[in-house]
Each structure stands twice: as structure tokens, then as C-alpha cells.
C-alpha atoms as a PDB file:
ATOM      1  CA  MET A   1    -118.640 -35.229  67.397  1.00  0.00           C
ATOM      2  CA  ARG A   2    -115.013 -36.328  67.690  1.00  0.00           C
ATOM      3  CA  ILE A   3    -113.332 -35.327  64.419  1.00  0.00           C
ATOM      4  CA  ALA A   4    -109.786 -36.314  63.514  1.00  0.00           C
ATOM      5  CA  LEU A   5    -107.661 -34.838  60.761  1.00  0.00           C
ATOM      6  CA  PHE A   6    -105.810 -37.259  58.497  1.00  0.00           C
ATOM      7  CA  ILE A   7    -103.373 -34.873  56.858  1.00  0.00           C
ATOM      8  CA  THR A   8    -101.779 -37.360  54.356  1.00  0.00           C
ATOM      9  CA  CYS A   9     -98.068 -37.635  53.561  1.00  0.00           C
ATOM     10  CA  PHE A  10     -98.192 -35.264  50.607  1.00  0.00           C
ATOM     11  CA  ASN A  11     -99.912 -32.439  52.458  1.00  0.00           C
ATOM     12  CA  ASP A  12     -97.868 -32.891  55.617  1.00  0.00           C
ATOM     13  CA  THR A  13     -94.634 -32.668  53.629  1.00  0.00           C
ATOM     14  CA  MET A  14     -95.450 -30.060  51.006  1.00  0.00           C
ATOM     15  CA  TYR A  15     -98.712 -28.281  51.879  1.00  0.00           C
ATOM     16  CA  PRO A  16     -99.107 -28.088  55.671  1.00  0.00           C
ATOM     17  CA  ARG A  17    -101.104 -24.883  55.246  1.00  0.00           C
ATOM     18  CA  THR A  18    -103.939 -26.968  53.809  1.00  0.00           C
ATOM     19  CA  GLY A  19    -104.209 -29.012  56.992  1.00  0.00           C
ATOM     20  CA  LYS A  20    -104.149 -25.825  59.047  1.00  0.00           C
ATOM     21  CA  ALA A  21    -106.957 -24.465  56.874  1.00  0.00           C
ATOM     22  CA  VAL A  22    -109.094 -27.549  57.546  1.00  0.00           C
ATOM     23  CA  VAL A  23    -108.654 -27.118  61.289  1.00  0.00           C
ATOM     24  CA  ALA A  24    -109.341 -23.361  61.163  1.00  0.00           C
ATOM     25  CA  LEU A  25    -112.468 -23.920  59.093  1.00  0.00           C
ATOM     26  CA  LEU A  26    -113.945 -26.638  61.300  1.00  0.00           C
ATOM     27  CA  GLU A  27    -113.113 -24.756  64.484  1.00  0.00           C
ATOM     28  CA  ARG A  28    -114.849 -21.681  63.066  1.00  0.00           C
ATOM     29  CA  LEU A  29    -117.906 -23.877  62.591  1.00  0.00           C
ATOM     30  CA  GLY A  30    -117.771 -24.870  66.251  1.00  0.00           C
ATOM     31  CA  HIS A  31    -116.046 -28.243  66.091  1.00  0.00           C
ATOM     32  CA  THR A  32    -112.951 -29.549  67.822  1.00  0.00           C
ATOM     33  CA  VAL A  33    -110.419 -31.294  65.609  1.00  0.00           C
ATOM     34  CA  ASP A  34    -107.786 -33.725  66.864  1.00  0.00           C
ATOM     35  CA  PHE A  35    -104.519 -34.425  65.102  1.00  0.00           C
ATOM     36  CA  PRO A  36    -103.298 -37.893  66.074  1.00  0.00           C
ATOM     37  CA  ARG A  37     -99.514 -37.728  65.856  1.00  0.00           C
ATOM     38  CA  ALA A  38     -99.166 -41.486  65.406  1.00  0.00           C
ATOM     39  CA  GLN A  39    -100.781 -41.336  61.959  1.00  0.00           C
ATOM     40  CA  ALA A  40     -98.778 -42.479  58.941  1.00  0.00           C
ATOM     41  CA  CYS A  41     -99.205 -43.189  55.218  1.00  0.00           C
ATOM     42  CA  CYS A  42    -102.490 -44.751  54.046  1.00  0.00           C
ATOM     43  CA  GLY A  43    -100.597 -46.880  51.519  1.00  0.00           C
ATOM     44  CA  GLN A  44    -101.849 -45.255  48.329  1.00  0.00           C
ATOM     45  CA  MET A  45     -98.408 -45.084  46.712  1.00  0.00           C
ATOM     46  CA  HIS A  46     -97.698 -48.719  47.474  1.00  0.00           C
ATOM     47  CA  LEU A  47    -101.072 -49.913  46.215  1.00  0.00           C
ATOM     48  CA  ASN A  48    -100.781 -47.896  43.006  1.00  0.00           C
ATOM     49  CA  THR A  49     -97.341 -49.351  42.329  1.00  0.00           C
ATOM     50  CA  GLY A  50     -98.292 -52.960  42.982  1.00  0.00           C
ATOM     51  CA  TYR A  51     -96.877 -53.452  46.483  1.00  0.00           C
ATOM     52  CA  ARG A  52    -100.123 -54.646  48.034  1.00  0.00           C
ATOM     53  CA  PRO A  53     -98.671 -56.895  50.778  1.00  0.00           C
ATOM     54  CA  GLN A  54     -96.529 -54.010  52.036  1.00  0.00           C
ATOM     55  CA  THR A  55     -99.648 -51.936  52.758  1.00  0.00           C
ATOM     56  CA  LEU A  56    -100.941 -54.284  55.459  1.00  0.00           C
ATOM     57  CA  PRO A  57     -99.044 -52.585  58.348  1.00  0.00           C
ATOM     58  CA  MET A  58    -100.317 -49.210  57.101  1.00  0.00           C
ATOM     59  CA  VAL A  59    -103.914 -50.396  57.057  1.00  0.00           C
ATOM     60  CA  ARG A  60    -103.499 -51.787  60.572  1.00  0.00           C
ATOM     61  CA  ARG A  61    -101.898 -48.550  61.798  1.00  0.00           C
ATOM     62  CA  PHE A  62    -104.727 -46.463  60.337  1.00  0.00           C
ATOM     63  CA  THR A  63    -107.416 -48.488  62.116  1.00  0.00           C
ATOM     64  CA  GLU A  64    -105.517 -48.349  65.403  1.00  0.00           C
ATOM     65  CA  VAL A  65    -104.934 -44.596  65.259  1.00  0.00           C
ATOM     66  CA  PHE A  66    -108.353 -43.470  64.029  1.00  0.00           C
ATOM     67  CA  GLY A  67    -110.688 -46.162  65.351  1.00  0.00           C
ATOM     68  CA  GLY A  68    -112.024 -44.076  68.256  1.00  0.00           C
ATOM     69  CA  TYR A  69    -113.273 -41.105  66.222  1.00  0.00           C
ATOM     70  CA  ASP A  70    -116.778 -40.323  64.995  1.00  0.00           C
ATOM     71  CA  ALA A  71    -115.412 -38.846  61.771  1.00  0.00           C
ATOM     72  CA  ILE A  72    -112.049 -38.674  60.029  1.00  0.00           C
ATOM     73  CA  VAL A  73    -111.603 -35.849  57.549  1.00  0.00           C
ATOM     74  CA  THR A  74    -108.869 -35.549  54.948  1.00  0.00           C
ATOM     75  CA  PRO A  75    -108.104 -32.805  52.403  1.00  0.00           C
ATOM     76  CA  SER A  76    -107.351 -35.451  49.785  1.00  0.00           C
ATOM     77  CA  ALA A  77    -109.923 -37.284  47.701  1.00  0.00           C
ATOM     78  CA  SER A  78    -107.273 -39.731  46.495  1.00  0.00           C
ATOM     79  CA  CYS A  79    -106.307 -40.808  50.007  1.00  0.00           C
ATOM     80  CA  ALA A  80    -109.937 -40.940  51.143  1.00  0.00           C
ATOM     81  CA  GLY A  81    -110.664 -43.134  48.129  1.00  0.00           C
ATOM     82  CA  THR A  82    -107.739 -45.406  48.940  1.00  0.00           C
ATOM     83  CA  ILE A  83    -108.940 -45.929  52.498  1.00  0.00           C
ATOM     84  CA  ARG A  84    -112.602 -46.428  51.661  1.00  0.00           C
ATOM     85  CA  HIS A  85    -112.136 -48.674  48.640  1.00  0.00           C
ATOM     86  CA  HIS A  86    -108.835 -50.502  49.093  1.00  0.00           C
ATOM     87  CA  HIS A  87    -108.231 -51.019  52.819  1.00  0.00           C
ATOM     88  CA  ARG A  88    -111.026 -53.599  52.926  1.00  0.00           C
ATOM     89  CA  THR A  89    -109.410 -55.552  50.086  1.00  0.00           C
ATOM     90  CA  VAL A  90    -106.006 -55.570  51.747  1.00  0.00           C
ATOM     91  CA  ALA A  91    -107.448 -56.813  55.053  1.00  0.00           C
ATOM     92  CA  ARG A  92    -109.457 -59.577  53.347  1.00  0.00           C
ATOM     93  CA  GLU A  93    -106.533 -60.740  51.184  1.00  0.00           C
ATOM     94  CA  HIS A  94    -104.417 -61.361  54.256  1.00  0.00           C
ATOM     95  CA  SER A  95    -107.088 -63.413  56.025  1.00  0.00           C
ATOM     96  CA  ASP A  96    -107.101 -61.206  59.110  1.00  0.00           C
ATOM     97  CA  PRO A  97    -110.721 -61.254  60.325  1.00  0.00           C
ATOM     98  CA  VAL A  98    -110.075 -58.939  63.265  1.00  0.00           C
ATOM     99  CA  LEU A  99    -108.518 -56.329  61.023  1.00  0.00           C
ATOM    100  CA  ALA A 100    -111.193 -56.813  58.361  1.00  0.00           C
ATOM    101  CA  THR A 101    -113.919 -56.132  60.935  1.00  0.00           C
ATOM    102  CA  ALA A 102    -112.112 -53.036  62.214  1.00  0.00           C
ATOM    103  CA  VAL A 103    -111.711 -51.710  58.676  1.00  0.00           C
ATOM    104  CA  GLU A 104    -115.383 -52.341  57.866  1.00  0.00           C
ATOM    105  CA  ARG A 105    -116.418 -50.330  60.913  1.00  0.00           C
ATOM    106  CA  LEU A 106    -113.992 -47.490  60.326  1.00  0.00           C
ATOM    107  CA  THR A 107    -113.985 -46.766  56.590  1.00  0.00           C
ATOM    108  CA  PRO A 108    -117.559 -45.390  56.417  1.00  0.00           C
ATOM    109  CA  ARG A 109    -116.439 -42.668  58.837  1.00  0.00           C
ATOM    110  CA  VAL A 110    -113.651 -41.420  56.535  1.00  0.00           C
ATOM    111  CA  TYR A 111    -114.627 -38.308  54.580  1.00  0.00           C
ATOM    112  CA  GLU A 112    -113.133 -35.982  52.031  1.00  0.00           C
ATOM    113  CA  LEU A 113    -113.624 -32.394  53.262  1.00  0.00           C
ATOM    114  CA  SER A 114    -116.605 -31.438  51.079  1.00  0.00           C
ATOM    115  CA  GLU A 115    -118.385 -34.684  52.022  1.00  0.00           C
ATOM    116  CA  LEU A 116    -117.969 -33.972  55.723  1.00  0.00           C
ATOM    117  CA  LEU A 117    -119.180 -30.393  55.420  1.00  0.00           C
ATOM    118  CA  VAL A 118    -122.208 -30.975  53.208  1.00  0.00           C
ATOM    119  CA  GLU A 119    -123.368 -34.488  54.080  1.00  0.00           C
ATOM    120  CA  VAL A 120    -122.370 -34.878  57.735  1.00  0.00           C
ATOM    121  CA  LEU A 121    -122.361 -31.342  59.129  1.00  0.00           C
ATOM    122  CA  GLY A 122    -125.122 -30.141  56.798  1.00  0.00           C
ATOM    123  CA  VAL A 123    -123.525 -26.843  55.839  1.00  0.00           C
ATOM    124  CA  THR A 124    -122.733 -25.167  52.522  1.00  0.00           C
ATOM    125  CA  ASP A 125    -122.218 -21.557  53.622  1.00  0.00           C
ATOM    126  CA  VAL A 126    -119.147 -21.724  55.854  1.00  0.00           C
ATOM    127  CA  GLY A 127    -118.771 -17.952  56.187  1.00  0.00           C
ATOM    128  CA  ALA A 128    -115.909 -17.692  53.705  1.00  0.00           C
ATOM    129  CA  TYR A 129    -114.857 -14.605  51.765  1.00  0.00           C
ATOM    130  CA  PHE A 130    -112.598 -14.850  48.729  1.00  0.00           C
ATOM    131  CA  PRO A 131    -112.867 -11.918  46.265  1.00  0.00           C
ATOM    132  CA  HIS A 132    -111.233 -13.556  43.246  1.00  0.00           C
ATOM    133  CA  ARG A 133    -112.149 -15.123  39.919  1.00  0.00           C
ATOM    134  CA  VAL A 134    -111.920 -18.889  40.552  1.00  0.00           C
ATOM    135  CA  THR A 135    -112.389 -22.049  38.533  1.00  0.00           C
ATOM    136  CA  TYR A 136    -112.725 -25.563  39.950  1.00  0.00           C
ATOM    137  CA  HIS A 137    -111.061 -28.768  38.728  1.00  0.00           C
ATOM    138  CA  PRO A 138    -112.808 -31.972  39.903  1.00  0.00           C
ATOM    139  CA  THR A 139    -109.985 -34.436  40.437  1.00  0.00           C
ATOM    140  CA  CYS A 140    -110.334 -37.998  39.162  1.00  0.00           C
ATOM    141  CA  HIS A 141    -110.586 -39.646  42.583  1.00  0.00           C
ATOM    142  CA  SER A 142    -113.179 -37.159  43.824  1.00  0.00           C
ATOM    143  CA  LEU A 143    -115.152 -37.472  40.615  1.00  0.00           C
ATOM    144  CA  ARG A 144    -114.940 -41.165  39.832  1.00  0.00           C
ATOM    145  CA  MET A 145    -114.078 -42.974  43.066  1.00  0.00           C
ATOM    146  CA  LEU A 146    -115.741 -40.902  45.800  1.00  0.00           C
ATOM    147  CA  ARG A 147    -118.406 -39.391  43.528  1.00  0.00           C
ATOM    148  CA  VAL A 148    -118.523 -36.158  45.520  1.00  0.00           C
ATOM    149  CA  GLY A 149    -120.611 -34.622  42.748  1.00  0.00           C
ATOM    150  CA  ASP A 150    -121.363 -30.922  43.112  1.00  0.00           C
ATOM    151  CA  ARG A 151    -120.623 -30.720  46.848  1.00  0.00           C
ATOM    152  CA  PRO A 152    -117.405 -28.698  46.335  1.00  0.00           C
ATOM    153  CA  LEU A 153    -119.213 -26.392  43.908  1.00  0.00           C
ATOM    154  CA  SER A 154    -122.090 -25.842  46.322  1.00  0.00           C
ATOM    155  CA  LEU A 155    -119.556 -24.770  48.941  1.00  0.00           C
ATOM    156  CA  LEU A 156    -117.739 -22.474  46.515  1.00  0.00           C
ATOM    157  CA  ARG A 157    -120.971 -20.870  45.287  1.00  0.00           C
ATOM    158  CA  ALA A 158    -121.727 -19.787  48.854  1.00  0.00           C
ATOM    159  CA  VAL A 159    -118.367 -18.010  49.281  1.00  0.00           C
ATOM    160  CA  LYS A 160    -118.844 -14.260  49.475  1.00  0.00           C
ATOM    161  CA  GLY A 161    -117.048 -12.144  46.888  1.00  0.00           C
ATOM    162  CA  ILE A 162    -116.082 -15.064  44.684  1.00  0.00           C
ATOM    163  CA  ASP A 163    -116.480 -15.012  40.908  1.00  0.00           C
ATOM    164  CA  LEU A 164    -116.829 -18.725  40.184  1.00  0.00           C
ATOM    165  CA  VAL A 165    -116.466 -19.632  36.513  1.00  0.00           C
ATOM    166  CA  GLU A 166    -117.016 -23.010  34.879  1.00  0.00           C
ATOM    167  CA  LEU A 167    -113.976 -24.922  33.668  1.00  0.00           C
ATOM    168  CA  PRO A 168    -114.361 -26.298  30.103  1.00  0.00           C
ATOM    169  CA  SER A 169    -113.963 -30.097  29.900  1.00  0.00           C
ATOM    170  CA  ALA A 170    -113.729 -30.075  33.673  1.00  0.00           C
ATOM    171  CA  GLU A 171    -114.094 -33.844  33.999  1.00  0.00           C
ATOM    172  CA  SER A 172    -111.002 -34.566  31.902  1.00  0.00           C
ATOM    173  CA  CYS A 173    -107.983 -35.833  33.827  1.00  0.00           C
ATOM    174  CA  CYS A 174    -105.071 -33.426  34.323  1.00  0.00           C
ATOM    175  CA  GLY A 175    -102.538 -36.179  33.565  1.00  0.00           C
ATOM    176  CA  PHE A 176    -100.858 -36.483  36.940  1.00  0.00           C
ATOM    177  CA  GLY A 177    -101.950 -39.836  38.376  1.00  0.00           C
ATOM    178  CA  GLY A 178     -98.940 -40.177  40.683  1.00  0.00           C
ATOM    179  CA  THR A 179     -96.368 -42.401  39.003  1.00  0.00           C
ATOM    180  CA  PHE A 180     -98.378 -42.222  35.760  1.00  0.00           C
ATOM    181  CA  ALA A 181     -96.808 -38.819  35.098  1.00  0.00           C
ATOM    182  CA  LEU A 182     -93.367 -40.442  35.307  1.00  0.00           C
ATOM    183  CA  LYS A 183     -94.049 -43.710  33.507  1.00  0.00           C
ATOM    184  CA  ASN A 184     -96.094 -42.092  30.733  1.00  0.00           C
ATOM    185  CA  ALA A 185     -94.539 -38.650  30.569  1.00  0.00           C
ATOM    186  CA  ASP A 186     -95.501 -37.799  26.979  1.00  0.00           C
ATOM    187  CA  THR A 187     -99.155 -38.702  27.530  1.00  0.00           C
ATOM    188  CA  SER A 188     -99.176 -36.859  30.833  1.00  0.00           C
ATOM    189  CA  HIS A 189     -97.743 -33.707  29.229  1.00  0.00           C
ATOM    190  CA  ALA A 190    -100.377 -33.807  26.491  1.00  0.00           C
ATOM    191  CA  MET A 191    -103.189 -34.122  29.027  1.00  0.00           C
ATOM    192  CA  LEU A 192    -101.685 -31.324  31.089  1.00  0.00           C
ATOM    193  CA  ALA A 193    -101.500 -29.057  28.046  1.00  0.00           C
ATOM    194  CA  ASP A 194    -105.213 -29.557  27.396  1.00  0.00           C
ATOM    195  CA  LYS A 195    -106.085 -28.866  31.033  1.00  0.00           C
ATOM    196  CA  MET A 196    -103.945 -25.708  31.161  1.00  0.00           C
ATOM    197  CA  ARG A 197    -105.527 -24.395  27.977  1.00  0.00           C
ATOM    198  CA  HIS A 198    -108.991 -24.813  29.449  1.00  0.00           C
ATOM    199  CA  VAL A 199    -107.960 -23.152  32.703  1.00  0.00           C
ATOM    200  CA  GLN A 200    -106.589 -20.164  30.813  1.00  0.00           C
ATOM    201  CA  GLU A 201    -109.805 -19.898  28.775  1.00  0.00           C
ATOM    202  CA  THR A 202    -111.733 -19.140  31.961  1.00  0.00           C
ATOM    203  CA  GLY A 203    -109.741 -16.000  32.730  1.00  0.00           C
ATOM    204  CA  ALA A 204    -109.502 -17.207  36.334  1.00  0.00           C
ATOM    205  CA  GLU A 205    -107.006 -15.830  38.823  1.00  0.00           C
ATOM    206  CA  VAL A 206    -107.093 -19.016  40.887  1.00  0.00           C
ATOM    207  CA  LEU A 207    -107.557 -22.711  40.147  1.00  0.00           C
ATOM    208  CA  THR A 208    -108.902 -24.792  43.018  1.00  0.00           C
ATOM    209  CA  ALA A 209    -109.381 -28.515  43.627  1.00  0.00           C
ATOM    210  CA  GLY A 210    -109.681 -31.025  46.456  1.00  0.00           C
ATOM    211  CA  ASP A 211    -106.263 -32.603  45.857  1.00  0.00           C
ATOM    212  CA  ASN A 212    -102.969 -30.739  46.122  1.00  0.00           C
ATOM    213  CA  SER A 213    -101.253 -33.385  44.002  1.00  0.00           C
ATOM    214  CA  CYS A 214    -103.287 -32.349  40.957  1.00  0.00           C
ATOM    215  CA  LEU A 215    -102.842 -28.686  41.804  1.00  0.00           C
ATOM    216  CA  LEU A 216     -99.069 -29.223  41.978  1.00  0.00           C
ATOM    217  CA  HIS A 217     -99.103 -30.780  38.510  1.00  0.00           C
ATOM    218  CA  ILE A 218    -101.329 -28.152  36.880  1.00  0.00           C
ATOM    219  CA  GLY A 219     -99.867 -25.266  38.852  1.00  0.00           C
ATOM    220  CA  GLY A 220     -96.346 -26.248  37.871  1.00  0.00           C
ATOM    221  CA  GLY A 221     -97.295 -26.136  34.221  1.00  0.00           C
ATOM    222  CA  LEU A 222     -99.097 -22.807  34.572  1.00  0.00           C
ATOM    223  CA  SER A 223     -96.081 -21.376  36.380  1.00  0.00           C
ATOM    224  CA  ARG A 224     -93.684 -22.481  33.642  1.00  0.00           C
ATOM    225  CA  LEU A 225     -95.897 -20.699  31.113  1.00  0.00           C
ATOM    226  CA  ARG A 226     -95.902 -17.612  33.355  1.00  0.00           C
ATOM    227  CA  THR A 227     -99.681 -17.354  33.183  1.00  0.00           C
ATOM    228  CA  GLY A 228    -100.016 -15.637  36.542  1.00  0.00           C
ATOM    229  CA  ILE A 229    -102.753 -18.094  37.547  1.00  0.00           C
ATOM    230  CA  GLY A 230    -102.384 -19.341  41.105  1.00  0.00           C
ATOM    231  CA  THR A 231    -103.614 -22.523  42.741  1.00  0.00           C
ATOM    232  CA  ARG A 232    -105.398 -22.884  46.064  1.00  0.00           C
ATOM    233  CA  HIS A 233    -106.806 -25.962  47.763  1.00  0.00           C
ATOM    234  CA  LEU A 234    -110.548 -25.911  48.381  1.00  0.00           C
ATOM    235  CA  ALA A 235    -109.946 -25.924  52.146  1.00  0.00           C
ATOM    236  CA  GLU A 236    -107.875 -22.762  51.955  1.00  0.00           C
ATOM    237  CA  ILE A 237    -110.575 -20.872  50.074  1.00  0.00           C
ATOM    238  CA  LEU A 238    -113.254 -22.037  52.499  1.00  0.00           C
ATOM    239  CA  ALA A 239    -111.083 -21.040  55.469  1.00  0.00           C
ATOM    240  CA  SER A 240    -110.555 -17.511  54.094  1.00  0.00           C
ATOM    241  CA  THR A 241    -112.492 -14.651  55.684  1.00  0.00           C
ATOM    242  CA  ASP A 242    -112.888 -10.925  55.043  1.00  0.00           C
ATOM    243  CA  GLY A 243    -110.168 -10.347  57.633  1.00  0.00           C
ATOM    244  CA  ASP A 244    -107.675 -12.160  55.405  1.00  0.00           C
ATOM    245  CA  ALA A 245    -108.391  -9.755  52.543  1.00  0.00           C
ATOM    246  CA  ARG A 246    -107.533  -6.627  54.524  1.00  0.00           C
END
């Protein structure tokens, strides 16, 4: 299987270690992962802000760069959701039948990490070791757009040494939502306060999720409160082994 990594702008700029973790994990499972250097933004920011026509070149670039792969994996449910649910709309709106056909063929092969592992590769125990008390936040895009369900939890439950604790009101939004946090700051802060309170109630050392954007938002708040609770992307936990703990 030819697997390509779509790192996303956010991870490439701020959390490159997450992309490295995806590659390390999949290689440990016996797969080869390509990183096409011509990849660019999927257009999520533009779509969310109302600049739909400006996303057309991004949609075209994505299909050109990733069209030859059997699977495209990304450590971002929000970007995977954008590609799978919005690229088709952009292509249709601009009456480009060639692009629309290419998008229709490609988007079913785009997976968030837990989807690829559980549904495509058929694995839940990836040989990870992470001896910490962890709680999991299901991000809005993973929960409501991709509907990944309990796939991330099934992967976390199989991690050796982990003490996985349930997050109260887990399905509530953290309040980030990209530009939502800027345009509706007071509402965002209130939602964040609720989420941080629930995280602290778990007694967890580490909060994990499938989107670093949400972890940045929640982790920033937890850091300002000096809670001592860290954040770690799901990929980084799954890539951890007993050798990392020594």
C-alpha cells in the first residue's frame, strides 16, 4: 500500500513532531510512508472564513499531489473533514468536471490517523507503551464530521502502561473553532473554562486528542493556570515505546 502523509499547515509549522510520530508509527507497523514536498494547504481556513473561490487552486493542488496514492493519512480530523466533505463542493461550484471526478476518486482515500489504523490496516494494538494517566478529548471534527467514534479510544486502551480515564462531558466543544476563538472570544473562554475544569477533574497527567489545534487551545489555558497537565497528540502516544521511557 502506498501511503502518503498530509502533514497540514498547522502541524508543519508548529508541531512537526506529530508528523514524525505518524511516520515512525506506520514504519514500525511495516509500512512505507511518503511525504510529497509539493503539498500545500487544504483550504480549511479559507473555507471557514468565507473565501470559497480562493480554495479552488488548493483543491486542484491536493488532487495533483496525492492522486497516485492508495491512502493519504493526516494527523488532523479537521483537515481530513475539510477534504472529504468540502473539496467536492468547491469542485462542483466551479463547473470543473475533470477536477470534480478527480476529487470524487481521491477523497475516499483520505483518512484521519485512527481511521487508517483501525479500519484500513485492521490494527488496534500498535505496540505502544505510555506509562501515564491520560484522558482523551474527542474534537468536534472527529466526532461530528468524520464520526471516528471509539477508534481513538480502542487504540489508547491497547497501549501498555497507560491509565486511561474518562473525560466528563467529553463531547462538549473546547471553544477553539479556529477564528471562532477570535471573533467570539468571551464565548470561547467560557467553553474553555468548562473543558479545563473537566480535564482537571480526571486527575490526568496528559490530555490527548486527534487535533493539535484543540490541544493548543486547551493546553494554553491549562498552562496559564499552572495545572501541570501536559498535552500530547494521539500519534505521539501511539508512537511511544518502552525505549522512550528509559
